[in-house]
Protein backbone atom coordinates (compact mmCIF):
# COMPACT_ATOMS: atom_id res chain seq x y z
CA UNK A 1 0.00 0.00 0.00
CA UNK A 2 1.35 3.42 -0.97
CA UNK A 3 0.63 6.91 0.35
CA UNK A 4 -0.18 9.92 -1.82
CA UNK A 5 3.49 10.61 -2.53
CA UNK A 6 4.09 7.05 -3.76
CA UNK A 7 5.98 5.88 -0.68
CA UNK A 8 5.43 2.24 0.25
CA UNK A 9 3.83 2.29 3.72
CA UNK A 10 2.60 -1.28 4.08
CA UNK A 11 3.37 -4.60 2.45
CA UNK A 12 1.70 -7.89 3.33
CA UNK A 13 1.63 -11.37 1.85
CA UNK A 14 -1.86 -12.65 1.22
CA UNK A 15 -3.17 -16.15 1.63
CA UNK A 16 -6.32 -17.77 0.30
CA UNK A 17 -9.57 -16.47 1.74
CA UNK A 18 -10.06 -13.12 3.43
CA UNK A 19 -7.06 -11.07 4.51
CA UNK A 20 -7.42 -7.96 6.67
CA UNK A 21 -4.89 -5.15 6.86
CA UNK A 22 -4.76 -2.85 9.89
CA UNK A 23 -4.51 0.86 9.06
CA UNK A 24 -5.10 2.30 12.54
CA UNK A 25 -1.48 3.38 12.88
CA UNK A 26 -1.42 5.28 9.57
CA UNK A 27 -2.18 9.01 9.39
CA UNK A 28 -5.35 10.19 7.67
CA UNK A 29 -5.15 10.47 3.91
CA UNK A 30 -5.55 8.51 0.70
CA UNK A 31 -3.72 5.25 0.08
CA UNK A 32 -3.37 3.17 -3.08
CA UNK A 33 -3.26 -0.61 -2.86
CA UNK A 34 -2.77 -3.40 -5.34
CA UNK A 35 -2.62 -7.18 -5.31
CA UNK A 36 -0.09 -8.78 -7.59
CA UNK A 37 0.92 -12.30 -8.51
CA UNK A 38 4.02 -13.11 -10.54
CA UNK A 39 4.51 -9.36 -11.29
CA UNK A 40 0.96 -9.04 -12.68
CA UNK A 41 -1.48 -6.67 -10.93
CA UNK A 42 -4.70 -8.59 -10.25
CA UNK A 43 -6.68 -5.93 -8.35
CA UNK A 44 -6.13 -2.35 -7.20
CA UNK A 45 -7.99 0.37 -5.39
CA UNK A 46 -7.94 3.33 -3.01
CA UNK A 47 -8.46 3.62 0.73
CA UNK A 48 -9.36 6.96 2.27
CA UNK A 49 -8.70 7.15 5.99
CA UNK A 50 -10.61 9.87 7.82
CA UNK A 51 -10.37 11.31 11.34
CA UNK A 52 -12.42 9.57 14.03
């Protein structure tokens, strides 16, 4: 997962089924994520973290 400046802020290996990623320690803002396998991007999206 990358922040708005393109800095890698989180990386996690996924397994089959549902995988959750904790973002509570990240500052508010927009983050870009992608899932890749063998250097091919399978899915991507955005996460927007807001203040509580």
